[in-house]
Amino acid sequence: MTSSRERLRQTLNHEEPDQVVVDLGSTAITGIHAQALYNLREALGLEKRRVKICEPLQLLGEVEEDVRQKLHIDCVDLSNGYNMFGFSNGGRKSWTLPSGLGVDVPGDFNTTVDGAGRTYLYPQGDVSVPPAAVLPEGGCFFDNIVRGNCSCDEAEERSAREDFREDSGLLSDSQLRHMEELCNYYYNETDYGIIYSSAIASLGDFALIPGPGVKHPKGVRDLPDFMMAGLLCPDYIHELFEMQTEVALKNAELIYQACGNKIQAIYVSGADFGTQNGPYMSLESFRKFYKPYHTRINLWIHEHTQWKTFFHSCGAVADFLQDFYESGVDILNPVQLSARGMDGKMLKEQWGDKFVFWGGGVDTQKTLPFGTPEEVYQEVTERLELFSKGGGFVFNTVHNIQANVPVENLAAMFQALNDFRGIKKRN
């Protein structure tokens, strides 16, 4: 049987593999909430253990080897070891989700709780500075807190490089050595496909603009202000994106020196350009502010490595696909078919030879959390039949699996996957 790594290589090159490649947890936007992961582990009859939080903002759980083996997952994540709150995922201690489930969190995952039951999380684990995120009582994930925002009028007199200097930095020697060792282990001791999962250049990413990993953010940090900044202070945005692109290119070179072509795909951007009903910016704005910088990054990657470029954008982005393609995007995620204009048949027919669709396997807004197991099974099967033809498809849900998904529906999803992959193998 073909190895997972070879299967992914074929898929990324638009060759049809012996089985559809399946991902769960290789990035922070293809993962699973800790509560749902605990429930899934229970249903699979795996060893009882505390789920490890690997992404604090969304409270995602780490998909461990026993889960990968049980579910025949093909991909693993290679990260720089740090999360968006600016502290290492290393060192573990106990914490309790609002649901009452005990989990393991990173050592610097430090919180306080107010009188209304809201839990606050701190940048770099420093509780002496204002908190960076809040988890409502009974909530399932944190929300960023805007701190230190200035208006667009004020930004015209400021330096974006200085304001966002602490948000972007070069990978440290210790991070690079950690990545090199982990990459060598995955490459030499396993047959998984390897994905670099720490986004190197999420220009305009709403999750990062507030500066969750910065103790004292400065500049345009409030999302409504940032969305208007292209019109009101365009030079500020260009200065910011230029700096972030420079850092991304240097980090890409460092990652290549550490891991070479053992990595098969690299997560470049997690910035969303679409809402449920349409783009949130004009195509003209995208071409002015984003496309030139994306093109530079993707061009360097394609000229110097064999990596494929992984871009995430939720929502209705059909109008942007030609420009995504022209800028060098190889992999499109999460393939939100419920958004306006994102018809699956159209995407496969018109763009299936240009993009690898990583996601789109089942609707996580309605079908997976609220449908019946039969409806989940049917939708997963239909999308596998549509997207798998001719290769260029990695099965994953549309964004992360949320906390409230019934375990019966998760079982139906993986049953549909197993049945379909079995049919493919027999044929």
Protein backbone atom coordinates (compact mmCIF):
# COMPACT_ATOMS: atom_id res chain seq x y z
CA MET A 1 0.00 0.00 0.00
CA THR A 2 1.14 3.52 -0.73
CA SER A 3 2.57 5.41 2.25
CA SER A 4 0.83 8.47 3.64
CA ARG A 5 3.74 10.66 2.56
CA GLU A 6 3.65 9.39 -1.00
CA ARG A 7 -0.13 9.64 -1.02
CA LEU A 8 0.13 13.30 -0.03
CA ARG A 9 2.83 13.94 -2.63
CA GLN A 10 0.59 12.53 -5.34
CA THR A 11 -2.35 14.58 -4.12
CA LEU A 12 -0.36 17.81 -4.05
CA ASN A 13 0.70 17.13 -7.63
CA HIS A 14 -2.90 16.47 -8.74
CA GLU A 15 -2.38 12.75 -9.17
CA GLU A 16 -5.09 10.43 -7.89
CA PRO A 17 -3.72 8.35 -4.99
CA ASP A 18 -4.84 4.89 -3.94
CA GLN A 19 -6.83 6.47 -1.09
CA VAL A 20 -8.01 9.96 -0.24
CA VAL A 21 -5.59 11.76 2.05
CA VAL A 22 -7.12 12.55 5.45
CA ASP A 23 -6.04 15.30 7.81
CA LEU A 24 -7.02 15.93 11.41
CA GLY A 25 -4.99 18.38 13.45
CA SER A 26 -2.05 19.26 11.19
CA THR A 27 -2.84 22.99 11.47
CA ALA A 28 -4.77 25.35 13.74
CA ILE A 29 -7.57 25.52 11.18
CA THR A 30 -7.89 21.78 10.46
CA GLY A 31 -8.15 20.60 14.05
CA ILE A 32 -10.63 19.63 16.74
CA HIS A 33 -11.79 21.23 19.99
CA ALA A 34 -10.46 19.54 23.12
CA GLN A 35 -13.93 18.56 24.31
CA ALA A 36 -14.83 16.94 20.99
CA LEU A 37 -11.46 15.19 20.90
CA TYR A 38 -11.99 13.77 24.38
CA ASN A 39 -15.43 12.49 23.35
CA LEU A 40 -13.96 10.99 20.19
CA ARG A 41 -11.19 9.23 22.11
CA GLU A 42 -13.81 7.73 24.41
CA ALA A 43 -15.89 6.50 21.47
CA LEU A 44 -12.81 4.95 19.86
CA GLY A 45 -12.05 3.04 23.04
CA LEU A 46 -8.60 4.60 23.39
CA GLU A 47 -6.61 4.94 26.60
CA LYS A 48 -8.13 7.45 29.00
CA ARG A 49 -5.87 10.47 29.23
CA ARG A 50 -6.12 14.23 29.53
CA VAL A 51 -6.30 16.03 26.22
CA LYS A 52 -3.45 18.47 25.63
CA ILE A 53 -4.36 21.98 24.49
CA CYS A 54 -2.19 22.83 21.48
CA GLU A 55 -3.90 26.07 20.37
CA PRO A 56 -5.18 28.17 23.28
CA LEU A 57 -7.38 30.69 21.45
CA GLN A 58 -9.68 28.03 20.04
CA LEU A 59 -8.90 25.46 22.77
CA LEU A 60 -7.91 22.86 20.19
CA GLY A 61 -6.71 19.48 21.36
CA GLU A 62 -3.51 17.79 20.25
CA VAL A 63 -4.22 14.83 17.98
CA GLU A 64 -1.87 12.17 19.30
CA GLU A 65 -0.42 9.09 17.67
CA ASP A 66 -3.05 6.64 18.91
CA VAL A 67 -5.80 8.74 17.34
CA ARG A 68 -3.88 9.06 14.08
CA GLN A 69 -3.38 5.32 13.91
CA LYS A 70 -6.98 4.48 14.78
CA LEU A 71 -8.42 6.89 12.20
CA HIS A 72 -5.75 6.37 9.50
CA ILE A 73 -4.73 10.04 9.45
CA ASP A 74 -2.07 10.88 6.85
CA CYS A 75 -0.62 14.21 8.00
CA VAL A 76 1.31 15.59 10.98
CA ASP A 77 2.08 19.14 11.99
CA LEU A 78 5.51 20.66 12.33
CA SER A 79 5.31 23.92 14.27
CA ASN A 80 7.75 26.39 15.79
CA GLY A 81 6.55 25.33 19.25
CA TYR A 82 4.92 28.63 20.16
CA ASN A 83 1.30 29.77 20.02
CA MET A 84 -0.26 33.10 19.10
CA PHE A 85 -0.18 34.27 22.74
CA GLY A 86 3.59 34.34 22.57
CA PHE A 87 4.44 31.47 24.89
CA SER A 88 5.75 27.97 24.32
CA ASN A 89 3.42 24.98 24.13
CA GLY A 90 5.93 23.12 26.24
CA GLY A 91 5.66 22.46 29.98
CA ARG A 92 2.29 21.16 31.10
CA LYS A 93 -0.15 21.78 33.93
CA SER A 94 -3.78 21.04 34.65
CA TRP A 95 -6.71 23.30 33.79
CA THR A 96 -10.46 22.82 33.52
CA LEU A 97 -12.65 23.70 30.54
CA PRO A 98 -15.96 25.47 31.24
CA SER A 99 -17.62 22.12 30.52
CA GLY A 100 -15.84 20.66 33.54
CA LEU A 101 -13.40 18.57 31.52
CA GLY A 102 -9.86 18.51 32.88
CA VAL A 103 -7.18 19.15 30.26
CA ASP A 104 -3.43 19.81 30.09
CA VAL A 105 -2.36 23.30 29.06
CA PRO A 106 1.06 24.84 28.38
CA GLY A 107 3.06 25.90 31.42
CA ASP A 108 2.62 29.61 30.72
CA PHE A 109 -1.14 29.33 30.10
CA ASN A 110 -1.99 31.68 32.98
CA THR A 111 -5.53 32.82 33.66
CA THR A 112 -7.69 34.80 36.08
CA VAL A 113 -11.46 34.71 36.56
CA ASP A 114 -13.69 37.71 37.32
CA GLY A 115 -16.93 37.90 39.28
CA ALA A 116 -19.02 37.22 36.18
CA GLY A 117 -17.24 33.94 35.52
CA ARG A 118 -15.17 35.27 32.62
CA THR A 119 -11.71 33.74 32.24
CA TYR A 120 -8.82 35.93 31.06
CA LEU A 121 -5.67 34.71 29.30
CA TYR A 122 -2.43 36.69 29.31
CA PRO A 123 0.18 37.49 26.63
CA GLN A 124 3.42 35.58 27.15
CA GLY A 125 1.83 34.27 30.36
CA ASP A 126 2.43 37.59 32.13
CA VAL A 127 -0.45 38.31 34.53
CA SER A 128 1.04 41.72 35.43
CA VAL A 129 -0.12 43.19 32.09
CA PRO A 130 -3.67 43.54 30.72
CA PRO A 131 -5.16 40.25 29.50
CA ALA A 132 -5.12 39.46 25.78
CA ALA A 133 -8.23 37.27 25.55
CA VAL A 134 -11.43 36.41 27.39
CA LEU A 135 -13.44 33.19 27.63
CA PRO A 136 -17.11 33.87 28.54
CA GLU A 137 -18.65 31.75 31.27
CA GLY A 138 -19.74 28.51 29.62
CA GLY A 139 -17.94 29.42 26.38
CA CYS A 140 -15.97 27.12 24.10
CA PHE A 141 -13.11 29.37 23.02
CA PHE A 142 -11.38 32.66 23.82
CA ASP A 143 -12.01 36.00 22.14
CA ASN A 144 -9.20 38.51 21.63
CA ILE A 145 -9.31 41.74 23.64
CA VAL A 146 -8.37 44.95 21.83
CA ARG A 147 -5.66 46.83 23.72
CA GLY A 148 -3.71 49.96 22.85
CA ASN A 149 -5.63 50.81 19.68
CA CYS A 150 -5.07 54.06 17.79
CA SER A 151 -7.28 55.57 15.10
CA CYS A 152 -6.43 55.66 11.41
CA ASP A 153 -5.97 59.42 11.68
CA GLU A 154 -3.36 58.89 14.37
CA ALA A 155 -1.72 56.10 12.37
CA GLU A 156 -0.83 58.51 9.57
CA GLU A 157 1.75 60.00 11.92
CA ARG A 158 3.02 56.66 13.19
CA SER A 159 5.36 53.92 12.01
CA ALA A 160 3.72 50.55 11.41
CA ARG A 161 7.13 48.90 11.63
CA GLU A 162 7.53 50.23 15.15
CA ASP A 163 3.93 49.56 16.21
CA PHE A 164 4.02 45.91 15.09
CA ARG A 165 7.71 45.25 15.68
CA GLU A 166 7.04 42.82 18.54
CA ASP A 167 4.38 40.89 16.55
CA SER A 168 6.81 39.63 13.93
CA GLY A 169 10.18 38.09 14.63
CA LEU A 170 12.72 35.66 13.29
CA LEU A 171 12.66 32.08 14.49
CA SER A 172 15.15 31.49 17.29
CA ASP A 173 17.95 28.94 17.21
CA SER A 174 16.14 26.83 19.79
CA GLN A 175 12.94 26.86 17.75
CA LEU A 176 14.82 25.86 14.61
CA ARG A 177 16.64 23.02 16.39
CA HIS A 178 13.34 21.78 17.81
CA MET A 179 11.79 21.84 14.34
CA GLU A 180 14.80 20.12 12.78
CA GLU A 181 14.72 17.29 15.32
CA LEU A 182 10.97 16.79 15.06
CA CYS A 183 11.05 16.93 11.27
CA ASN A 184 13.84 14.35 11.14
CA TYR A 185 11.89 12.10 13.48
CA TYR A 186 8.71 12.29 11.40
CA TYR A 187 10.62 11.83 8.15
CA ASN A 188 12.86 8.95 9.26
CA GLU A 189 10.64 7.12 11.75
CA THR A 190 7.15 7.53 10.24
CA ASP A 191 5.58 7.72 6.80
CA TYR A 192 3.33 10.74 7.48
CA GLY A 193 3.06 13.74 5.23
CA ILE A 194 4.66 16.71 6.98
CA ILE A 195 3.04 20.17 7.11
CA TYR A 196 4.70 23.29 8.51
CA SER A 197 1.80 24.55 10.58
CA SER A 198 2.83 27.93 12.04
CA ALA A 199 1.59 30.51 9.53
CA ILE A 200 4.60 32.44 8.29
CA ALA A 201 2.79 35.50 6.88
CA SER A 202 -0.84 35.97 7.87
CA LEU A 203 -1.06 39.50 6.57
CA GLY A 204 -4.23 41.08 7.93
CA ASP A 205 -5.24 37.98 9.91
CA PHE A 206 -8.03 39.06 12.26
CA ALA A 207 -6.82 36.65 14.96
CA LEU A 208 -3.42 38.34 15.05
CA ILE A 209 -4.16 42.04 14.45
CA PRO A 210 -5.08 42.68 18.12
CA GLY A 211 -1.62 41.42 19.13
CA PRO A 212 -2.51 38.50 21.43
CA GLY A 213 1.15 37.68 21.99
CA VAL A 214 2.27 41.27 22.68
CA LYS A 215 2.26 42.66 26.22
CA HIS A 216 1.59 46.27 25.21
CA PRO A 217 0.22 46.45 21.64
CA LYS A 218 0.40 49.71 19.75
CA GLY A 219 -1.07 50.95 16.50
CA VAL A 220 -4.27 50.08 14.64
CA ARG A 221 -5.50 47.03 16.56
CA ASP A 222 -9.29 47.26 16.50
CA LEU A 223 -10.66 45.22 13.59
CA PRO A 224 -13.18 47.82 12.28
CA ASP A 225 -10.38 50.41 12.25
CA PHE A 226 -7.99 47.98 10.55
CA MET A 227 -10.57 47.21 7.87
CA MET A 228 -10.82 50.94 7.11
CA ALA A 229 -7.09 51.56 7.27
CA GLY A 230 -6.49 50.68 3.62
CA LEU A 231 -8.67 53.62 2.65
CA LEU A 232 -7.73 56.07 5.40
CA CYS A 233 -4.02 55.35 5.95
CA PRO A 234 -2.82 53.11 3.07
CA ASP A 235 0.88 53.85 3.59
CA TYR A 236 0.63 52.47 7.13
CA ILE A 237 -0.76 49.16 5.85
CA HIS A 238 1.85 48.89 3.11
CA GLU A 239 4.59 49.55 5.65
CA LEU A 240 3.19 46.84 7.91
CA PHE A 241 2.82 44.26 5.15
CA GLU A 242 6.28 45.04 3.77
CA MET A 243 7.82 44.37 7.18
CA GLN A 244 5.82 41.16 7.66
CA THR A 245 6.79 39.95 4.20
CA GLU A 246 10.47 40.56 4.88
CA VAL A 247 10.24 38.53 8.08
CA ALA A 248 8.28 35.78 6.34
CA LEU A 249 10.91 35.42 3.61
CA LYS A 250 13.74 35.25 6.14
CA ASN A 251 11.86 32.67 8.21
CA ALA A 252 11.07 30.61 5.12
CA GLU A 253 14.80 30.47 4.38
CA LEU A 254 15.56 29.44 7.98
CA ILE A 255 12.90 26.73 7.89
CA TYR A 256 14.32 25.39 4.65
CA GLN A 257 17.83 25.32 6.11
CA ALA A 258 16.50 23.32 9.08
CA CYS A 259 14.12 20.95 7.30
CA GLY A 260 14.69 21.13 3.56
CA ASN A 261 12.16 19.37 1.37
CA LYS A 262 11.15 16.93 4.07
CA ILE A 263 8.31 19.40 4.52
CA GLN A 264 5.68 18.99 1.81
CA ALA A 265 3.44 22.00 2.42
CA ILE A 266 3.78 25.22 4.38
CA TYR A 267 1.00 27.22 5.98
CA VAL A 268 1.49 30.73 4.61
CA SER A 269 -1.64 32.69 5.49
CA GLY A 270 -4.74 32.37 7.65
CA ALA A 271 -6.33 35.72 6.74
CA ASP A 272 -10.01 35.54 5.81
CA PHE A 273 -11.24 37.44 2.78
CA GLY A 274 -14.84 36.30 2.70
CA THR A 275 -17.99 36.49 4.79
CA GLN A 276 -20.89 34.07 4.50
CA ASN A 277 -22.48 36.16 1.75
CA GLY A 278 -19.58 37.74 -0.09
CA PRO A 279 -16.03 39.16 0.16
CA TYR A 280 -15.41 41.65 2.93
CA MET A 281 -13.17 43.75 0.70
CA SER A 282 -13.14 44.64 -2.97
CA LEU A 283 -11.00 42.76 -5.42
CA GLU A 284 -9.28 46.07 -6.12
CA SER A 285 -8.25 46.34 -2.47
CA PHE A 286 -6.99 42.78 -2.42
CA ARG A 287 -4.88 43.42 -5.50
CA LYS A 288 -3.48 46.61 -4.01
CA PHE A 289 -2.70 45.50 -0.48
CA TYR A 290 -2.37 41.71 -0.40
CA LYS A 291 -1.61 40.20 -3.78
CA PRO A 292 1.83 41.78 -4.31
CA TYR A 293 3.12 40.52 -0.96
CA HIS A 294 1.57 37.05 -1.30
CA THR A 295 3.14 36.78 -4.75
CA ARG A 296 6.62 37.60 -3.42
CA ILE A 297 6.37 35.00 -0.67
CA ASN A 298 4.95 32.27 -2.89
CA LEU A 299 7.46 32.99 -5.63
CA TRP A 300 10.38 32.57 -3.21
CA ILE A 301 8.93 29.29 -1.94
CA HIS A 302 8.41 27.92 -5.44
CA GLU A 303 11.86 29.02 -6.64
CA HIS A 304 13.79 27.68 -3.65
CA THR A 305 11.84 24.68 -2.37
CA GLN A 306 9.51 21.88 -3.39
CA TRP A 307 6.89 22.98 -0.84
CA LYS A 308 3.29 23.70 -1.72
CA THR A 309 1.77 26.89 -0.33
CA PHE A 310 -1.22 26.49 2.00
CA PHE A 311 -3.67 29.41 2.24
CA HIS A 312 -6.72 29.57 4.49
CA SER A 313 -9.65 31.89 3.82
CA CYS A 314 -13.15 31.30 5.07
CA GLY A 315 -16.23 32.54 3.29
CA ALA A 316 -17.27 33.49 -0.21
CA VAL A 317 -13.97 33.87 -2.06
CA ALA A 318 -14.95 32.60 -5.52
CA ASP A 319 -14.27 36.04 -7.02
CA PHE A 320 -10.73 35.95 -5.65
CA LEU A 321 -9.67 32.56 -6.98
CA GLN A 322 -8.05 33.79 -10.18
CA ASP A 323 -5.94 36.23 -8.18
CA PHE A 324 -5.10 33.58 -5.60
CA TYR A 325 -3.89 31.38 -8.43
CA GLU A 326 -1.89 34.17 -10.08
CA SER A 327 -0.19 34.94 -6.76
CA GLY A 328 1.02 31.34 -6.42
CA VAL A 329 -1.43 29.74 -4.01
CA ASP A 330 -1.32 25.93 -4.29
CA ILE A 331 -3.66 24.79 -1.51
CA LEU A 332 -7.03 26.32 -0.70
CA ASN A 333 -8.59 25.82 2.73
CA PRO A 334 -11.24 25.42 4.23
CA VAL A 335 -13.42 25.29 1.06
CA GLN A 336 -16.59 26.65 2.65
CA LEU A 337 -19.27 25.38 0.29
CA SER A 338 -22.07 26.95 2.35
CA ALA A 339 -20.87 30.46 1.44
CA ARG A 340 -22.32 32.32 -1.53
CA GLY A 341 -20.84 31.28 -4.88
CA MET A 342 -18.80 28.40 -3.44
CA ASP A 343 -20.51 25.64 -5.37
CA GLY A 344 -18.54 22.41 -5.07
CA LYS A 345 -19.13 21.23 -8.63
CA MET A 346 -18.04 24.61 -10.00
CA LEU A 347 -14.92 24.63 -7.83
CA LYS A 348 -13.88 21.15 -8.93
CA GLU A 349 -14.56 21.71 -12.63
CA GLN A 350 -13.04 25.18 -12.93
CA TRP A 351 -10.30 25.11 -10.29
CA GLY A 352 -9.61 21.45 -9.53
CA ASP A 353 -6.50 21.39 -11.72
CA LYS A 354 -5.14 24.58 -10.16
CA PHE A 355 -5.79 24.25 -6.43
CA VAL A 356 -5.56 21.40 -4.01
CA PHE A 357 -8.77 21.58 -1.97
CA TRP A 358 -7.87 20.95 1.67
CA GLY A 359 -11.18 20.82 3.49
CA GLY A 360 -14.77 21.00 2.35
CA GLY A 361 -15.43 17.47 3.60
CA VAL A 362 -18.50 18.31 5.66
CA ASP A 363 -20.30 21.49 6.76
CA THR A 364 -19.27 22.36 10.33
CA GLN A 365 -21.89 25.09 10.74
CA LYS A 366 -24.96 22.91 10.25
CA THR A 367 -24.55 19.29 9.16
CA LEU A 368 -21.80 18.08 11.49
CA PRO A 369 -23.07 19.68 14.73
CA PHE A 370 -26.82 19.63 14.07
CA GLY A 371 -27.54 16.97 11.44
CA THR A 372 -28.30 13.32 12.00
CA PRO A 373 -25.58 10.68 11.63
CA GLU A 374 -27.27 9.60 8.39
CA GLU A 375 -27.11 13.16 7.03
CA VAL A 376 -23.44 13.43 8.01
CA TYR A 377 -22.62 10.12 6.33
CA GLN A 378 -24.41 11.16 3.14
CA GLU A 379 -22.80 14.59 2.91
CA VAL A 380 -19.31 13.25 3.55
CA THR A 381 -19.77 10.56 0.90
CA GLU A 382 -21.08 13.03 -1.68
CA ARG A 383 -18.17 15.40 -1.15
CA LEU A 384 -15.63 12.61 -1.29
CA GLU A 385 -17.10 11.47 -4.60
CA LEU A 386 -17.00 15.03 -5.96
CA PHE A 387 -13.58 16.23 -4.85
CA SER A 388 -11.49 13.05 -4.95
CA LYS A 389 -11.72 12.45 -8.70
CA GLY A 390 -8.37 13.07 -10.34
CA GLY A 391 -6.61 13.86 -7.04
CA GLY A 392 -6.01 17.29 -5.57
CA PHE A 393 -8.15 16.74 -2.46
CA VAL A 394 -7.28 16.35 1.21
CA PHE A 395 -10.25 15.45 3.35
CA ASN A 396 -10.86 17.70 6.30
CA THR A 397 -13.92 19.39 7.74
CA VAL A 398 -14.75 22.99 6.85
CA HIS A 399 -12.59 24.56 9.58
CA ASN A 400 -12.15 23.06 13.04
CA ILE A 401 -14.49 20.54 14.65
CA GLN A 402 -16.29 22.40 17.43
CA ALA A 403 -16.93 21.36 21.03
CA ASN A 404 -20.65 20.64 20.66
CA VAL A 405 -20.46 18.11 17.81
CA PRO A 406 -22.22 14.87 18.83
CA VAL A 407 -19.82 11.98 18.94
CA GLU A 408 -22.31 9.94 16.89
CA ASN A 409 -21.83 12.42 14.06
CA LEU A 410 -18.06 12.19 14.32
CA ALA A 411 -18.38 8.43 14.12
CA ALA A 412 -20.59 8.74 11.04
CA MET A 413 -18.03 11.03 9.39
CA PHE A 414 -15.17 8.61 9.91
CA GLN A 415 -17.33 5.65 8.94
CA ALA A 416 -18.11 7.34 5.62
CA LEU A 417 -14.39 8.00 5.16
CA ASN A 418 -13.43 4.42 5.91
CA ASP A 419 -16.12 3.02 3.64
CA PHE A 420 -15.13 5.30 0.79
CA ARG A 421 -11.44 4.61 1.16
CA GLY A 422 -12.17 0.89 1.23
CA ILE A 423 -14.14 1.17 -2.00
CA LYS A 424 -11.31 3.11 -3.60
CA LYS A 425 -8.79 0.45 -2.54
CA ARG A 426 -10.89 -2.42 -3.89
CA ASN A 427 -11.36 -0.69 -7.22
